[in-house]
Amino acid sequence: MIALPLSHMLIFSLLLFAIGLYGALVRRNIIGILISIELMLNATNINLIAFSKYTSLAPETGQIFAIFVIALAATAAAVGLAIVLALYRTRKTIYSDEVHLLKW
């Protein structure tokens, strides 16, 4: 198996994070924003695993942290989708610019 250099993995992770950040800032749909945030968390996982493979004495360290990030992302997605569902039931919209919850 051919190992990729660290720089290739970091560039891939940077591009993935940039796409997720762009999606989170530009999208109006709340579900699309949540997907973009998940994309950024996956870029973080790639960074963790890449750095642990090339710098750590124990390569499993990055994988363990990545599993924790995946578990955190799953709970954040579940809570976020529950909030979106409650928001849709009360406001009948899932667009972020049409929601003004703190406005009287």
C-alpha atoms as a PDB file:
ATOM      1  CA  MET A   1       0.000   0.000   0.000  1.00  0.00           C
ATOM      2  CA  ILE A   2       1.330   3.430  -0.933  1.00  0.00           C
ATOM      3  CA  ALA A   3       1.247   5.949   1.900  1.00  0.00           C
ATOM      4  CA  LEU A   4       0.262   9.500   1.088  1.00  0.00           C
ATOM      5  CA  PRO A   5       2.494  12.284   2.355  1.00  0.00           C
ATOM      6  CA  LEU A   6       1.258  14.408   5.232  1.00  0.00           C
ATOM      7  CA  SER A   7       1.014  17.490   3.037  1.00  0.00           C
ATOM      8  CA  HIS A   8      -1.495  15.790   0.707  1.00  0.00           C
ATOM      9  CA  MET A   9      -3.716  14.819   3.611  1.00  0.00           C
ATOM     10  CA  LEU A  10      -3.555  18.299   5.093  1.00  0.00           C
ATOM     11  CA  ILE A  11      -4.415  19.934   1.768  1.00  0.00           C
ATOM     12  CA  PHE A  12      -7.371  17.577   1.353  1.00  0.00           C
ATOM     13  CA  SER A  13      -8.509  18.353   4.877  1.00  0.00           C
ATOM     14  CA  LEU A  14      -8.145  22.089   4.259  1.00  0.00           C
ATOM     15  CA  LEU A  15     -10.229  21.890   1.091  1.00  0.00           C
ATOM     16  CA  LEU A  16     -12.895  19.835   2.852  1.00  0.00           C
ATOM     17  CA  PHE A  17     -13.008  22.311   5.740  1.00  0.00           C
ATOM     18  CA  ALA A  18     -13.167  25.273   3.331  1.00  0.00           C
ATOM     19  CA  ILE A  19     -16.083  23.713   1.444  1.00  0.00           C
ATOM     20  CA  GLY A  20     -17.889  23.100   4.745  1.00  0.00           C
ATOM     21  CA  LEU A  21     -17.221  26.641   5.958  1.00  0.00           C
ATOM     22  CA  TYR A  22     -18.444  28.108   2.679  1.00  0.00           C
ATOM     23  CA  GLY A  23     -21.587  25.991   2.894  1.00  0.00           C
ATOM     24  CA  ALA A  24     -22.242  27.001   6.497  1.00  0.00           C
ATOM     25  CA  LEU A  25     -21.870  30.697   5.720  1.00  0.00           C
ATOM     26  CA  VAL A  26     -23.746  30.828   2.404  1.00  0.00           C
ATOM     27  CA  ARG A  27     -26.619  28.361   2.804  1.00  0.00           C
ATOM     28  CA  ARG A  28     -30.039  29.554   3.895  1.00  0.00           C
ATOM     29  CA  ASN A  29     -31.435  26.102   4.604  1.00  0.00           C
ATOM     30  CA  ILE A  30     -30.778  25.035   8.196  1.00  0.00           C
ATOM     31  CA  ILE A  31     -30.378  21.378   7.225  1.00  0.00           C
ATOM     32  CA  GLY A  32     -27.739  22.377   4.660  1.00  0.00           C
ATOM     33  CA  ILE A  33     -25.941  24.351   7.361  1.00  0.00           C
ATOM     34  CA  LEU A  34     -25.936  21.281   9.636  1.00  0.00           C
ATOM     35  CA  ILE A  35     -24.517  19.140   6.811  1.00  0.00           C
ATOM     36  CA  SER A  36     -21.789  21.728   6.230  1.00  0.00           C
ATOM     37  CA  ILE A  37     -20.870  21.650   9.920  1.00  0.00           C
ATOM     38  CA  GLU A  38     -20.636  17.849   9.730  1.00  0.00           C
ATOM     39  CA  LEU A  39     -18.322  18.252   6.743  1.00  0.00           C
ATOM     40  CA  MET A  40     -16.055  20.524   8.779  1.00  0.00           C
ATOM     41  CA  LEU A  41     -15.983  17.977  11.607  1.00  0.00           C
ATOM     42  CA  ASN A  42     -14.966  15.269   9.121  1.00  0.00           C
ATOM     43  CA  ALA A  43     -12.097  17.489   7.964  1.00  0.00           C
ATOM     44  CA  THR A  44     -11.024  17.733  11.593  1.00  0.00           C
ATOM     45  CA  ASN A  45     -11.075  13.939  11.845  1.00  0.00           C
ATOM     46  CA  ILE A  46      -8.819  13.651   8.809  1.00  0.00           C
ATOM     47  CA  ASN A  47      -6.383  16.081  10.442  1.00  0.00           C
ATOM     48  CA  LEU A  48      -6.390  14.135  13.703  1.00  0.00           C
ATOM     49  CA  ILE A  49      -5.688  10.827  11.998  1.00  0.00           C
ATOM     50  CA  ALA A  50      -3.066  12.285   9.644  1.00  0.00           C
ATOM     51  CA  PHE A  51      -1.120  13.965  12.433  1.00  0.00           C
ATOM     52  CA  SER A  52      -1.294  10.905  14.660  1.00  0.00           C
ATOM     53  CA  LYS A  53      -0.004   8.713  11.848  1.00  0.00           C
ATOM     54  CA  TYR A  54       3.001  10.882  11.081  1.00  0.00           C
ATOM     55  CA  THR A  55       3.935  12.391  14.452  1.00  0.00           C
ATOM     56  CA  SER A  56       2.789  10.198  17.322  1.00  0.00           C
ATOM     57  CA  LEU A  57       4.489   7.196  18.847  1.00  0.00           C
ATOM     58  CA  ALA A  58       1.087   5.532  19.171  1.00  0.00           C
ATOM     59  CA  PRO A  59      -0.873   5.895  15.904  1.00  0.00           C
ATOM     60  CA  GLU A  60      -4.096   4.857  17.625  1.00  0.00           C
ATOM     61  CA  THR A  61      -4.262   8.164  19.510  1.00  0.00           C
ATOM     62  CA  GLY A  62      -5.685  10.107  16.570  1.00  0.00           C
ATOM     63  CA  GLN A  63      -8.176   7.361  15.828  1.00  0.00           C
ATOM     64  CA  ILE A  64      -9.442   7.437  19.408  1.00  0.00           C
ATOM     65  CA  PHE A  65      -9.894  11.206  19.262  1.00  0.00           C
ATOM     66  CA  ALA A  66     -11.613  10.853  15.870  1.00  0.00           C
ATOM     67  CA  ILE A  67     -14.097   8.376  17.368  1.00  0.00           C
ATOM     68  CA  PHE A  68     -14.901  10.909  20.093  1.00  0.00           C
ATOM     69  CA  VAL A  69     -15.413  13.611  17.455  1.00  0.00           C
ATOM     70  CA  ILE A  70     -17.690  11.287  15.469  1.00  0.00           C
ATOM     71  CA  ALA A  71     -19.752  10.583  18.585  1.00  0.00           C
ATOM     72  CA  LEU A  72     -19.956  14.311  19.316  1.00  0.00           C
ATOM     73  CA  ALA A  73     -20.971  15.026  15.724  1.00  0.00           C
ATOM     74  CA  ALA A  74     -23.700  12.394  15.872  1.00  0.00           C
ATOM     75  CA  THR A  75     -25.184  13.876  19.035  1.00  0.00           C
ATOM     76  CA  ALA A  76     -24.931  17.398  17.619  1.00  0.00           C
ATOM     77  CA  ALA A  77     -26.686  16.270  14.442  1.00  0.00           C
ATOM     78  CA  ALA A  78     -29.463  14.589  16.442  1.00  0.00           C
ATOM     79  CA  VAL A  79     -30.007  17.658  18.618  1.00  0.00           C
ATOM     80  CA  GLY A  80     -29.759  19.990  15.619  1.00  0.00           C
ATOM     81  CA  LEU A  81     -32.302  18.013  13.619  1.00  0.00           C
ATOM     82  CA  ALA A  82     -34.635  17.926  16.633  1.00  0.00           C
ATOM     83  CA  ILE A  83     -34.388  21.717  16.874  1.00  0.00           C
ATOM     84  CA  VAL A  84     -35.057  22.046  13.140  1.00  0.00           C
ATOM     85  CA  LEU A  85     -38.089  19.792  13.456  1.00  0.00           C
ATOM     86  CA  ALA A  86     -39.466  21.828  16.379  1.00  0.00           C
ATOM     87  CA  LEU A  87     -38.757  25.033  14.480  1.00  0.00           C
ATOM     88  CA  TYR A  88     -40.577  23.750  11.419  1.00  0.00           C
ATOM     89  CA  ARG A  89     -43.589  22.771  13.497  1.00  0.00           C
ATOM     90  CA  THR A  90     -43.884  26.223  15.044  1.00  0.00           C
ATOM     91  CA  ARG A  91     -42.706  28.552  12.245  1.00  0.00           C
ATOM     92  CA  LYS A  92     -43.399  26.412   9.123  1.00  0.00           C
ATOM     93  CA  THR A  93     -39.986  27.257   7.660  1.00  0.00           C
ATOM     94  CA  ILE A  94     -36.448  25.867   7.675  1.00  0.00           C
ATOM     95  CA  TYR A  95     -34.733  28.931   6.256  1.00  0.00           C
ATOM     96  CA  SER A  96     -32.370  30.620   8.654  1.00  0.00           C
ATOM     97  CA  ASP A  97     -33.082  34.187   7.553  1.00  0.00           C
ATOM     98  CA  GLU A  98     -36.837  33.833   8.122  1.00  0.00           C
ATOM     99  CA  VAL A  99     -36.491  32.799  11.760  1.00  0.00           C
ATOM    100  CA  HIS A 100     -36.527  35.552  14.368  1.00  0.00           C
ATOM    101  CA  LEU A 101     -37.032  33.762  17.674  1.00  0.00           C
ATOM    102  CA  LEU A 102     -35.789  36.574  19.913  1.00  0.00           C
ATOM    103  CA  LYS A 103     -37.800  39.253  18.154  1.00  0.00           C
ATOM    104  CA  TRP A 104     -40.958  40.420  19.949  1.00  0.00           C
END
